[in-house]
C-alpha atoms as a PDB file:
ATOM      1  CA  MET A   1      19.548 -18.986  37.703  1.00  0.00           C
ATOM      2  CA  THR A   2      22.124 -19.008  40.478  1.00  0.00           C
ATOM      3  CA  GLU A   3      24.904 -21.735  40.313  1.00  0.00           C
ATOM      4  CA  PRO A   4      25.251 -24.037  43.126  1.00  0.00           C
ATOM      5  CA  LEU A   5      27.721 -23.306  45.799  1.00  0.00           C
ATOM      6  CA  LEU A   6      28.752 -26.708  46.234  1.00  0.00           C
ATOM      7  CA  SER A   7      28.129 -29.594  43.440  1.00  0.00           C
ATOM      8  CA  ILE A   8      29.170 -33.321  44.062  1.00  0.00           C
ATOM      9  CA  GLU A   9      28.632 -35.718  41.128  1.00  0.00           C
ATOM     10  CA  ASN A  10      29.106 -39.340  40.900  1.00  0.00           C
ATOM     11  CA  LEU A  11      31.578 -39.479  43.540  1.00  0.00           C
ATOM     12  CA  VAL A  12      33.002 -42.861  44.358  1.00  0.00           C
ATOM     13  CA  THR A  13      35.155 -43.405  47.482  1.00  0.00           C
ATOM     14  CA  GLU A  14      36.747 -46.671  48.791  1.00  0.00           C
ATOM     15  CA  PHE A  15      38.891 -47.989  51.796  1.00  0.00           C
ATOM     16  CA  ARG A  16      41.764 -50.277  51.829  1.00  0.00           C
ATOM     17  CA  VAL A  17      41.332 -52.779  54.490  1.00  0.00           C
ATOM     18  CA  GLU A  18      42.998 -56.083  55.347  1.00  0.00           C
ATOM     19  CA  GLY A  19      41.536 -58.628  52.799  1.00  0.00           C
ATOM     20  CA  GLY A  20      40.501 -56.095  50.130  1.00  0.00           C
ATOM     21  CA  VAL A  21      38.946 -52.757  49.357  1.00  0.00           C
ATOM     22  CA  VAL A  22      35.523 -51.646  50.856  1.00  0.00           C
ATOM     23  CA  PRO A  23      33.562 -49.244  48.602  1.00  0.00           C
ATOM     24  CA  ALA A  24      32.128 -46.470  50.898  1.00  0.00           C
ATOM     25  CA  VAL A  25      30.458 -44.059  48.377  1.00  0.00           C
ATOM     26  CA  ASN A  26      29.010 -45.437  45.142  1.00  0.00           C
ATOM     27  CA  GLY A  27      28.319 -42.609  42.935  1.00  0.00           C
ATOM     28  CA  ALA A  28      26.862 -40.181  45.225  1.00  0.00           C
ATOM     29  CA  GLY A  29      26.027 -36.589  44.246  1.00  0.00           C
ATOM     30  CA  TYR A  30      23.948 -33.636  45.295  1.00  0.00           C
ATOM     31  CA  HIS A  31      24.188 -29.822  45.342  1.00  0.00           C
ATOM     32  CA  VAL A  32      23.952 -26.901  47.715  1.00  0.00           C
ATOM     33  CA  MET A  33      22.699 -23.533  46.615  1.00  0.00           C
ATOM     34  CA  PRO A  34      24.025 -20.161  48.212  1.00  0.00           C
ATOM     35  CA  GLY A  35      22.137 -19.523  51.603  1.00  0.00           C
ATOM     36  CA  GLU A  36      20.401 -22.876  51.451  1.00  0.00           C
ATOM     37  CA  THR A  37      20.078 -25.392  54.258  1.00  0.00           C
ATOM     38  CA  VAL A  38      20.202 -29.072  53.303  1.00  0.00           C
ATOM     39  CA  GLY A  39      19.959 -31.988  55.415  1.00  0.00           C
ATOM     40  CA  ILE A  40      21.916 -35.274  54.745  1.00  0.00           C
ATOM     41  CA  VAL A  41      19.958 -38.142  56.385  1.00  0.00           C
ATOM     42  CA  GLY A  42      20.504 -42.025  56.462  1.00  0.00           C
ATOM     43  CA  GLU A  43      21.425 -44.880  58.668  1.00  0.00           C
ATOM     44  CA  SER A  44      25.001 -45.181  60.082  1.00  0.00           C
ATOM     45  CA  GLY A  45      27.093 -46.359  57.316  1.00  0.00           C
ATOM     46  CA  SER A  46      25.170 -44.672  54.640  1.00  0.00           C
ATOM     47  CA  GLY A  47      28.155 -42.600  53.371  1.00  0.00           C
ATOM     48  CA  LYS A  48      26.800 -39.298  54.713  1.00  0.00           C
ATOM     49  CA  SER A  49      30.102 -38.314  56.490  1.00  0.00           C
ATOM     50  CA  VAL A  50      32.493 -40.015  53.917  1.00  0.00           C
ATOM     51  CA  THR A  51      31.083 -38.129  51.211  1.00  0.00           C
ATOM     52  CA  VAL A  52      31.904 -34.790  52.939  1.00  0.00           C
ATOM     53  CA  ALA A  53      35.258 -36.137  54.142  1.00  0.00           C
ATOM     54  CA  SER A  54      35.954 -36.965  50.487  1.00  0.00           C
ATOM     55  CA  VAL A  55      35.151 -33.456  49.140  1.00  0.00           C
ATOM     56  CA  LEU A  56      37.330 -31.670  51.771  1.00  0.00           C
ATOM     57  CA  GLY A  57      40.242 -33.948  51.587  1.00  0.00           C
ATOM     58  CA  LEU A  58      39.773 -35.350  55.242  1.00  0.00           C
ATOM     59  CA  LEU A  59      39.795 -38.977  54.518  1.00  0.00           C
ATOM     60  CA  PRO A  60      42.185 -41.044  56.575  1.00  0.00           C
ATOM     61  CA  SER A  61      45.304 -42.511  54.949  1.00  0.00           C
ATOM     62  CA  SER A  62      43.340 -45.849  53.979  1.00  0.00           C
ATOM     63  CA  GLY A  63      40.642 -43.883  51.956  1.00  0.00           C
ATOM     64  CA  ARG A  64      40.889 -42.477  48.506  1.00  0.00           C
ATOM     65  CA  VAL A  65      38.463 -40.939  45.989  1.00  0.00           C
ATOM     66  CA  VAL A  66      38.173 -43.159  43.035  1.00  0.00           C
ATOM     67  CA  SER A  67      36.172 -40.964  40.651  1.00  0.00           C
ATOM     68  CA  GLY A  68      33.831 -38.054  40.625  1.00  0.00           C
ATOM     69  CA  THR A  69      33.851 -34.257  40.533  1.00  0.00           C
ATOM     70  CA  THR A  70      33.136 -32.023  43.386  1.00  0.00           C
ATOM     71  CA  ARG A  71      33.076 -28.091  42.625  1.00  0.00           C
ATOM     72  CA  PHE A  72      32.938 -25.307  45.278  1.00  0.00           C
ATOM     73  CA  ALA A  73      32.193 -21.710  44.045  1.00  0.00           C
ATOM     74  CA  GLY A  74      33.378 -23.016  40.659  1.00  0.00           C
ATOM     75  CA  ARG A  75      36.570 -24.707  41.653  1.00  0.00           C
ATOM     76  CA  ASP A  76      37.097 -28.449  41.382  1.00  0.00           C
ATOM     77  CA  LEU A  77      38.171 -29.429  44.961  1.00  0.00           C
ATOM     78  CA  LEU A  78      39.478 -32.917  43.850  1.00  0.00           C
ATOM     79  CA  ALA A  79      41.945 -31.069  41.748  1.00  0.00           C
ATOM     80  CA  LEU A  80      43.456 -28.894  44.351  1.00  0.00           C
ATOM     81  CA  ARG A  81      46.673 -29.644  46.323  1.00  0.00           C
ATOM     82  CA  GLU A  82      46.294 -29.902  50.037  1.00  0.00           C
ATOM     83  CA  ARG A  83      47.638 -26.488  50.947  1.00  0.00           C
ATOM     84  CA  GLU A  84      45.063 -24.994  48.385  1.00  0.00           C
ATOM     85  CA  LEU A  85      42.330 -27.058  50.267  1.00  0.00           C
ATOM     86  CA  GLU A  86      43.622 -25.956  53.736  1.00  0.00           C
ATOM     87  CA  GLN A  87      42.854 -22.270  52.496  1.00  0.00           C
ATOM     88  CA  ILE A  88      39.282 -23.130  51.729  1.00  0.00           C
ATOM     89  CA  ARG A  89      38.681 -25.292  54.932  1.00  0.00           C
ATOM     90  CA  GLY A  90      38.269 -22.678  57.855  1.00  0.00           C
ATOM     91  CA  ARG A  91      37.935 -19.688  55.522  1.00  0.00           C
ATOM     92  CA  ASP A  92      35.300 -20.570  52.885  1.00  0.00           C
ATOM     93  CA  ILE A  93      33.826 -23.804  54.518  1.00  0.00           C
ATOM     94  CA  GLY A  94      33.324 -23.985  58.320  1.00  0.00           C
ATOM     95  CA  LEU A  95      33.112 -27.391  59.984  1.00  0.00           C
ATOM     96  CA  VAL A  96      31.374 -28.421  63.110  1.00  0.00           C
ATOM     97  CA  PHE A  97      32.072 -31.931  64.156  1.00  0.00           C
ATOM     98  CA  GLN A  98      30.088 -34.513  66.197  1.00  0.00           C
ATOM     99  CA  ASP A  99      32.463 -34.657  69.266  1.00  0.00           C
ATOM    100  CA  PRO A 100      34.196 -31.206  70.060  1.00  0.00           C
ATOM    101  CA  MET A 101      36.252 -33.049  72.589  1.00  0.00           C
ATOM    102  CA  THR A 102      38.210 -34.966  69.938  1.00  0.00           C
ATOM    103  CA  ALA A 103      38.106 -32.199  67.508  1.00  0.00           C
ATOM    104  CA  LEU A 104      39.694 -29.729  70.002  1.00  0.00           C
ATOM    105  CA  ASN A 105      43.249 -29.722  70.976  1.00  0.00           C
ATOM    106  CA  PRO A 106      43.199 -30.578  74.671  1.00  0.00           C
ATOM    107  CA  VAL A 107      46.706 -28.772  75.401  1.00  0.00           C
ATOM    108  CA  MET A 108      45.749 -25.521  73.871  1.00  0.00           C
ATOM    109  CA  THR A 109      43.356 -22.890  75.172  1.00  0.00           C
ATOM    110  CA  ILE A 110      40.000 -22.178  73.336  1.00  0.00           C
ATOM    111  CA  GLY A 111      41.130 -18.871  72.503  1.00  0.00           C
ATOM    112  CA  GLU A 112      44.552 -20.057  70.985  1.00  0.00           C
ATOM    113  CA  GLN A 113      42.687 -22.516  68.895  1.00  0.00           C
ATOM    114  CA  ILE A 114      40.165 -19.855  67.314  1.00  0.00           C
ATOM    115  CA  ALA A 115      43.012 -17.276  66.995  1.00  0.00           C
ATOM    116  CA  GLU A 116      45.009 -19.673  65.156  1.00  0.00           C
ATOM    117  CA  GLY A 117      42.445 -20.162  62.489  1.00  0.00           C
ATOM    118  CA  LEU A 118      41.998 -16.442  62.276  1.00  0.00           C
ATOM    119  CA  ARG A 119      45.688 -15.715  61.918  1.00  0.00           C
ATOM    120  CA  ARG A 120      46.081 -18.401  59.165  1.00  0.00           C
ATOM    121  CA  HIS A 121      43.348 -17.156  56.910  1.00  0.00           C
ATOM    122  CA  GLN A 122      43.910 -13.336  57.698  1.00  0.00           C
ATOM    123  CA  ALA A 123      47.356 -12.158  56.809  1.00  0.00           C
ATOM    124  CA  GLY A 124      48.538  -9.503  58.987  1.00  0.00           C
ATOM    125  CA  LEU A 125      46.080  -9.863  61.809  1.00  0.00           C
ATOM    126  CA  SER A 126      47.835  -8.957  64.930  1.00  0.00           C
ATOM    127  CA  ARG A 127      47.638 -10.935  68.062  1.00  0.00           C
ATOM    128  CA  ARG A 128      45.762  -8.033  69.924  1.00  0.00           C
ATOM    129  CA  ALA A 129      43.259  -7.879  67.045  1.00  0.00           C
ATOM    130  CA  ALA A 130      42.899 -11.786  66.993  1.00  0.00           C
ATOM    131  CA  GLY A 131      42.275 -11.793  70.720  1.00  0.00           C
ATOM    132  CA  ALA A 132      39.340  -9.190  70.257  1.00  0.00           C
ATOM    133  CA  ARG A 133      37.721 -11.340  67.524  1.00  0.00           C
ATOM    134  CA  VAL A 134      37.953 -14.414  69.703  1.00  0.00           C
ATOM    135  CA  ALA A 135      36.115 -12.671  72.449  1.00  0.00           C
ATOM    136  CA  GLU A 136      33.608 -11.348  70.250  1.00  0.00           C
ATOM    137  CA  LEU A 137      32.999 -14.753  68.652  1.00  0.00           C
ATOM    138  CA  LEU A 138      32.538 -16.382  71.866  1.00  0.00           C
ATOM    139  CA  ALA A 139      30.177 -13.813  73.040  1.00  0.00           C
ATOM    140  CA  GLU A 140      28.234 -14.099  69.700  1.00  0.00           C
ATOM    141  CA  VAL A 141      27.707 -17.928  70.398  1.00  0.00           C
ATOM    142  CA  GLY A 142      26.531 -17.151  74.014  1.00  0.00           C
ATOM    143  CA  ILE A 143      29.557 -18.114  76.067  1.00  0.00           C
ATOM    144  CA  PRO A 144      29.476 -15.860  79.113  1.00  0.00           C
ATOM    145  CA  SER A 145      32.556 -13.898  80.277  1.00  0.00           C
ATOM    146  CA  PRO A 146      34.429 -14.627  76.771  1.00  0.00           C
ATOM    147  CA  LYS A 147      37.577 -12.994  77.586  1.00  0.00           C
ATOM    148  CA  GLU A 148      38.035 -15.207  80.691  1.00  0.00           C
ATOM    149  CA  ARG A 149      36.605 -18.297  78.975  1.00  0.00           C
ATOM    150  CA  ALA A 150      39.096 -17.805  76.200  1.00  0.00           C
ATOM    151  CA  ARG A 151      41.980 -18.492  78.460  1.00  0.00           C
ATOM    152  CA  GLN A 152      40.576 -21.982  79.649  1.00  0.00           C
ATOM    153  CA  TYR A 153      41.181 -25.446  78.089  1.00  0.00           C
ATOM    154  CA  PRO A 154      38.514 -27.620  76.415  1.00  0.00           C
ATOM    155  CA  HIS A 155      38.204 -29.815  79.512  1.00  0.00           C
ATOM    156  CA  GLN A 156      37.028 -26.792  81.621  1.00  0.00           C
ATOM    157  CA  PHE A 157      33.971 -26.456  79.200  1.00  0.00           C
ATOM    158  CA  SER A 158      30.760 -28.353  79.394  1.00  0.00           C
ATOM    159  CA  GLY A 159      29.766 -30.386  76.400  1.00  0.00           C
ATOM    160  CA  GLY A 160      27.447 -27.705  75.236  1.00  0.00           C
ATOM    161  CA  MET A 161      29.950 -24.850  75.730  1.00  0.00           C
ATOM    162  CA  ARG A 162      32.484 -26.967  73.730  1.00  0.00           C
ATOM    163  CA  GLN A 163      30.036 -27.245  70.967  1.00  0.00           C
ATOM    164  CA  ARG A 164      29.495 -23.452  70.991  1.00  0.00           C
ATOM    165  CA  ALA A 165      33.221 -22.965  70.761  1.00  0.00           C
ATOM    166  CA  MET A 166      33.343 -25.244  67.741  1.00  0.00           C
ATOM    167  CA  ILE A 167      30.719 -23.072  66.052  1.00  0.00           C
ATOM    168  CA  ALA A 168      32.664 -20.046  67.030  1.00  0.00           C
ATOM    169  CA  MET A 169      35.652 -21.533  65.294  1.00  0.00           C
ATOM    170  CA  ALA A 170      33.778 -22.621  62.175  1.00  0.00           C
ATOM    171  CA  MET A 171      32.338 -18.939  61.853  1.00  0.00           C
ATOM    172  CA  ALA A 172      35.543 -17.156  62.669  1.00  0.00           C
ATOM    173  CA  ASN A 173      36.310 -16.257  58.927  1.00  0.00           C
ATOM    174  CA  ARG A 174      32.712 -15.911  57.867  1.00  0.00           C
ATOM    175  CA  PRO A 175      32.657 -18.845  55.646  1.00  0.00           C
ATOM    176  CA  ARG A 176      30.148 -19.124  52.788  1.00  0.00           C
ATOM    177  CA  LEU A 177      29.154 -22.798  53.704  1.00  0.00           C
ATOM    178  CA  ILE A 178      28.848 -24.488  57.185  1.00  0.00           C
ATOM    179  CA  ILE A 179      29.003 -28.322  57.309  1.00  0.00           C
ATOM    180  CA  ALA A 180      27.621 -29.728  60.669  1.00  0.00           C
ATOM    181  CA  ASP A 181      28.253 -33.455  61.073  1.00  0.00           C
ATOM    182  CA  GLU A 182      25.922 -34.729  63.901  1.00  0.00           C
ATOM    183  CA  PRO A 183      26.551 -31.546  65.873  1.00  0.00           C
ATOM    184  CA  THR A 184      24.019 -32.489  68.587  1.00  0.00           C
ATOM    185  CA  THR A 185      24.200 -36.261  68.893  1.00  0.00           C
ATOM    186  CA  ALA A 186      26.082 -36.091  72.199  1.00  0.00           C
ATOM    187  CA  LEU A 187      24.012 -33.502  73.773  1.00  0.00           C
ATOM    188  CA  ASP A 188      20.831 -33.665  75.959  1.00  0.00           C
ATOM    189  CA  VAL A 189      17.617 -32.339  74.526  1.00  0.00           C
ATOM    190  CA  THR A 190      17.753 -28.949  75.955  1.00  0.00           C
ATOM    191  CA  ILE A 191      21.226 -28.283  74.964  1.00  0.00           C
ATOM    192  CA  GLN A 192      20.585 -29.809  71.655  1.00  0.00           C
ATOM    193  CA  ALA A 193      17.845 -27.239  70.928  1.00  0.00           C
ATOM    194  CA  GLN A 194      20.096 -24.406  72.141  1.00  0.00           C
ATOM    195  CA  ILE A 195      22.731 -25.443  69.557  1.00  0.00           C
ATOM    196  CA  LEU A 196      20.354 -25.764  66.778  1.00  0.00           C
ATOM    197  CA  ASP A 197      18.936 -22.390  67.450  1.00  0.00           C
ATOM    198  CA  LEU A 198      22.426 -21.012  67.489  1.00  0.00           C
ATOM    199  CA  LEU A 199      23.305 -22.742  64.093  1.00  0.00           C
ATOM    200  CA  ARG A 200      20.236 -21.293  62.614  1.00  0.00           C
ATOM    201  CA  ARG A 201      21.081 -17.783  63.988  1.00  0.00           C
ATOM    202  CA  VAL A 202      24.683 -17.647  62.884  1.00  0.00           C
ATOM    203  CA  GLN A 203      23.738 -19.081  59.433  1.00  0.00           C
ATOM    204  CA  ARG A 204      21.127 -16.314  58.899  1.00  0.00           C
ATOM    205  CA  GLU A 205      23.404 -13.528  60.282  1.00  0.00           C
ATOM    206  CA  HIS A 206      26.325 -14.686  58.141  1.00  0.00           C
ATOM    207  CA  ASP A 207      24.164 -15.544  55.016  1.00  0.00           C
ATOM    208  CA  ALA A 208      25.855 -18.823  54.890  1.00  0.00           C
ATOM    209  CA  ALA A 209      24.700 -22.124  53.233  1.00  0.00           C
ATOM    210  CA  LEU A 210      24.480 -25.186  55.898  1.00  0.00           C
ATOM    211  CA  VAL A 211      24.658 -28.743  55.310  1.00  0.00           C
ATOM    212  CA  MET A 212      23.247 -30.609  58.297  1.00  0.00           C
ATOM    213  CA  ILE A 213      24.491 -34.387  58.534  1.00  0.00           C
ATOM    214  CA  THR A 214      22.309 -36.325  60.727  1.00  0.00           C
ATOM    215  CA  HIS A 215      20.344 -39.397  61.457  1.00  0.00           C
ATOM    216  CA  ASP A 216      17.837 -37.544  63.448  1.00  0.00           C
ATOM    217  CA  LEU A 217      14.723 -36.753  61.243  1.00  0.00           C
ATOM    218  CA  GLY A 218      13.421 -34.427  63.923  1.00  0.00           C
ATOM    219  CA  VAL A 219      16.477 -32.167  63.369  1.00  0.00           C
ATOM    220  CA  ILE A 220      16.020 -32.424  59.597  1.00  0.00           C
ATOM    221  CA  ALA A 221      12.345 -31.343  59.910  1.00  0.00           C
ATOM    222  CA  GLU A 222      13.226 -28.475  62.204  1.00  0.00           C
ATOM    223  CA  MET A 223      16.282 -27.116  60.403  1.00  0.00           C
ATOM    224  CA  THR A 224      16.385 -27.943  56.711  1.00  0.00           C
ATOM    225  CA  GLU A 225      14.655 -26.729  53.489  1.00  0.00           C
ATOM    226  CA  ARG A 226      15.786 -29.690  51.351  1.00  0.00           C
ATOM    227  CA  VAL A 227      16.670 -33.174  52.161  1.00  0.00           C
ATOM    228  CA  VAL A 228      19.204 -35.682  50.456  1.00  0.00           C
ATOM    229  CA  VAL A 229      18.385 -39.434  51.669  1.00  0.00           C
ATOM    230  CA  MET A 230      21.517 -41.740  51.331  1.00  0.00           C
ATOM    231  CA  TYR A 231      21.523 -45.496  51.526  1.00  0.00           C
ATOM    232  CA  ALA A 232      24.610 -47.864  51.038  1.00  0.00           C
ATOM    233  CA  GLY A 233      26.672 -45.067  49.650  1.00  0.00           C
ATOM    234  CA  ARG A 234      24.238 -43.868  47.243  1.00  0.00           C
ATOM    235  CA  VAL A 235      21.626 -40.998  46.953  1.00  0.00           C
ATOM    236  CA  VAL A 236      18.092 -42.642  46.983  1.00  0.00           C
ATOM    237  CA  GLU A 237      15.984 -39.508  47.059  1.00  0.00           C
ATOM    238  CA  THR A 238      16.096 -35.827  47.163  1.00  0.00           C
ATOM    239  CA  ALA A 239      13.278 -33.243  47.695  1.00  0.00           C
ATOM    240  CA  ASP A 240      12.106 -30.348  49.593  1.00  0.00           C
ATOM    241  CA  VAL A 241      11.539 -31.121  53.294  1.00  0.00           C
ATOM    242  CA  ASP A 242       7.766 -30.961  52.978  1.00  0.00           C
ATOM    243  CA  SER A 243       7.631 -33.449  50.038  1.00  0.00           C
ATOM    244  CA  ILE A 244      10.097 -35.947  51.968  1.00  0.00           C
ATOM    245  CA  PHE A 245       8.081 -35.916  55.162  1.00  0.00           C
ATOM    246  CA  HIS A 246       4.466 -35.975  53.583  1.00  0.00           C
ATOM    247  CA  ARG A 247       4.944 -37.388  50.015  1.00  0.00           C
ATOM    248  CA  PRO A 248       8.188 -39.792  50.145  1.00  0.00           C
ATOM    249  CA  ARG A 249       8.809 -41.687  46.715  1.00  0.00           C
ATOM    250  CA  HIS A 250      11.381 -44.126  47.930  1.00  0.00           C
ATOM    251  CA  PRO A 251      10.518 -47.148  50.174  1.00  0.00           C
ATOM    252  CA  TYR A 252      13.611 -46.487  52.355  1.00  0.00           C
ATOM    253  CA  THR A 253      12.411 -42.851  53.103  1.00  0.00           C
ATOM    254  CA  ARG A 254       9.157 -44.184  53.826  1.00  0.00           C
ATOM    255  CA  GLY A 255      10.554 -46.729  56.178  1.00  0.00           C
ATOM    256  CA  LEU A 256      12.420 -44.208  58.069  1.00  0.00           C
ATOM    257  CA  LEU A 257       9.460 -41.848  58.492  1.00  0.00           C
ATOM    258  CA  ARG A 258       7.194 -44.834  59.737  1.00  0.00           C
ATOM    259  CA  SER A 259       9.502 -45.539  62.557  1.00  0.00           C
ATOM    260  CA  LEU A 260       9.149 -42.046  64.061  1.00  0.00           C
ATOM    261  CA  PRO A 261       7.043 -41.588  67.166  1.00  0.00           C
ATOM    262  CA  ARG A 262       4.039 -39.397  66.481  1.00  0.00           C
ATOM    263  CA  LEU A 263       2.087 -37.051  68.980  1.00  0.00           C
ATOM    264  CA  GLY A 264      -1.323 -38.372  69.676  1.00  0.00           C
ATOM    265  CA  GLU A 265      -0.565 -42.047  68.625  1.00  0.00           C
ATOM    266  CA  ARG A 266      -0.170 -44.848  71.194  1.00  0.00           C
ATOM    267  CA  ARG A 267       1.680 -47.780  69.846  1.00  0.00           C
ATOM    268  CA  ASP A 268       3.108 -50.705  71.627  1.00  0.00           C
ATOM    269  CA  GLU A 269       6.004 -51.067  69.201  1.00  0.00           C
ATOM    270  CA  LEU A 270       7.267 -48.739  66.552  1.00  0.00           C
ATOM    271  CA  PRO A 271       7.522 -50.169  63.045  1.00  0.00           C
ATOM    272  CA  ALA A 272      11.173 -50.640  61.919  1.00  0.00           C
ATOM    273  CA  ILE A 273      12.883 -51.254  58.654  1.00  0.00           C
ATOM    274  CA  GLY A 274      13.389 -55.072  58.755  1.00  0.00           C
ATOM    275  CA  GLY A 275      17.102 -56.478  58.296  1.00  0.00           C
ATOM    276  CA  GLN A 276      20.304 -54.323  58.409  1.00  0.00           C
ATOM    277  CA  PRO A 277      22.021 -52.266  55.875  1.00  0.00           C
ATOM    278  CA  PRO A 278      24.188 -54.184  53.483  1.00  0.00           C
ATOM    279  CA  ASP A 279      27.760 -55.037  54.092  1.00  0.00           C
ATOM    280  CA  PRO A 280      29.681 -52.614  51.651  1.00  0.00           C
ATOM    281  CA  ARG A 281      32.022 -55.292  50.738  1.00  0.00           C
ATOM    282  CA  ARG A 282      29.199 -57.475  49.434  1.00  0.00           C
ATOM    283  CA  LEU A 283      26.568 -55.233  48.032  1.00  0.00           C
ATOM    284  CA  PRO A 284      23.807 -56.972  46.352  1.00  0.00           C
ATOM    285  CA  ASP A 285      23.318 -56.808  42.612  1.00  0.00           C
ATOM    286  CA  GLY A 286      20.675 -54.235  41.472  1.00  0.00           C
ATOM    287  CA  CYS A 287      19.122 -52.003  43.987  1.00  0.00           C
ATOM    288  CA  SER A 288      20.826 -52.292  47.501  1.00  0.00           C
ATOM    289  CA  PHE A 289      17.659 -51.677  49.345  1.00  0.00           C
ATOM    290  CA  ARG A 290      15.642 -54.657  47.717  1.00  0.00           C
ATOM    291  CA  VAL A 291      16.499 -57.281  50.622  1.00  0.00           C
ATOM    292  CA  ARG A 292      14.767 -55.081  53.107  1.00  0.00           C
ATOM    293  CA  CYS A 293      12.210 -53.549  50.894  1.00  0.00           C
ATOM    294  CA  ASP A 294       8.460 -54.240  51.451  1.00  0.00           C
ATOM    295  CA  LEU A 295       7.675 -52.857  47.915  1.00  0.00           C
ATOM    296  CA  SER A 296      10.064 -55.188  45.871  1.00  0.00           C
ATOM    297  CA  GLY A 297       8.288 -58.532  46.472  1.00  0.00           C
ATOM    298  CA  GLY A 298      11.188 -60.017  44.534  1.00  0.00           C
ATOM    299  CA  ARG A 299      10.141 -58.404  41.251  1.00  0.00           C
ATOM    300  CA  ALA A 300      12.877 -58.782  38.524  1.00  0.00           C
ATOM    301  CA  GLU A 301      13.397 -55.042  38.052  1.00  0.00           C
ATOM    302  CA  CYS A 302      14.923 -54.937  41.493  1.00  0.00           C
ATOM    303  CA  GLY A 303      17.774 -56.988  40.073  1.00  0.00           C
ATOM    304  CA  PHE A 304      18.971 -53.831  38.405  1.00  0.00           C
ATOM    305  CA  GLN A 305      20.267 -50.722  39.866  1.00  0.00           C
ATOM    306  CA  PRO A 306      17.649 -47.870  39.609  1.00  0.00           C
ATOM    307  CA  ALA A 307      18.676 -44.525  38.335  1.00  0.00           C
ATOM    308  CA  LEU A 308      17.732 -41.287  39.898  1.00  0.00           C
ATOM    309  CA  THR A 309      14.605 -40.255  38.198  1.00  0.00           C
ATOM    310  CA  GLU A 310      12.709 -36.949  38.631  1.00  0.00           C
ATOM    311  CA  VAL A 311       9.203 -37.865  39.724  1.00  0.00           C
ATOM    312  CA  ALA A 312       7.972 -34.385  40.359  1.00  0.00           C
ATOM    313  CA  ALA A 313       9.583 -30.824  40.054  1.00  0.00           C
ATOM    314  CA  GLY A 314      12.824 -30.877  42.120  1.00  0.00           C
ATOM    315  CA  HIS A 315      11.946 -34.291  43.645  1.00  0.00           C
ATOM    316  CA  VAL A 316      14.044 -37.268  42.518  1.00  0.00           C
ATOM    317  CA  SER A 317      14.038 -40.949  43.518  1.00  0.00           C
ATOM    318  CA  ALA A 318      15.964 -44.179  42.655  1.00  0.00           C
ATOM    319  CA  CYS A 319      13.103 -46.594  42.845  1.00  0.00           C
ATOM    320  CA  HIS A 320      11.718 -48.611  40.054  1.00  0.00           C
ATOM    321  CA  PHE A 321       8.329 -48.428  41.583  1.00  0.00           C
ATOM    322  CA  HIS A 322       8.151 -44.921  42.791  1.00  0.00           C
ATOM    323  CA  ALA A 323       4.880 -44.223  41.059  1.00  0.00           C
ATOM    324  CA  GLU A 324       3.351 -46.930  43.427  1.00  0.00           C
ATOM    325  CA  LEU A 325       4.276 -44.606  46.226  1.00  0.00           C
ATOM    326  CA  ALA A 326       2.722 -41.578  44.651  1.00  0.00           C
ATOM    327  CA  ALA A 327      -0.906 -42.120  45.966  1.00  0.00           C
ATOM    328  CA  GLU A 328       0.363 -42.595  49.585  1.00  0.00           C
ATOM    329  CA  GLU A 329       0.945 -39.773  52.123  1.00  0.00           C
ATOM    330  CA  VAL A 330       2.674 -39.974  55.487  1.00  0.00           C
ATOM    331  CA  ALA A 331       1.029 -37.717  57.778  1.00  0.00           C
END
């Protein structure tokens, strides 16, 4: 059986803040197979982006990985020095961020920024060859007049074009894994569809794995093969996309799906999950979701943290009462 390209196990990450320490990731773990598309979904603050930042050494100075293991292509990323991680980022792992205007350098041209990544990871690449590759990449992601556009600055690009340039930069060295963190949040619906189509196409053409981090379940349904659901810094459910959408086995996943508008249904108000995600500084004992859960009913079992349990082939859930959801189907 093929080994995972990326494997994260029991990851714990915390941030130092005034007055103490905030746990942001609490034992999270998942894996990504070669060529696979995995969606990471959950409300803001669930730990989706912090998990990836922990793996890639991109935490701010206030953050630190307390424990856990992360392996990429067999290498323990947490054991690598910063210089070694820099070689992996941009070469083997390409990153597409939510806001390209903050990710791109405003005082460098688009071409210079893409070429910088090429020359850093391809020793001996000439300036002329790098320029030709930049134009090729910009054309590949659908930017017209790529040679002229390469000489322009980020502020001269529209939002959609900046995101295309970010994708070109991420794909420059033909990475084995692309991580896209909310890549379409700031874009209108039409441009969002174009960017998703572009990501799908470049992933297929480069035979890369893709991790799609988003709060948008529509994007998850359209783009992914397998879904990881996170809540309060933990993974609470993992399954293939069809099982997640039609046979969820965690009440949090079910609540997220019920809040989606559906074609053909007329509702005055969409059902929402009651309450708010817990303050990470004051996580409740036991199951973190129990105070918002319509399945718990104050049952004593919910006072104990549920372990991830295989409930079907390839389907795991962290709920004491997952069997009670088995008979339900979310259309």
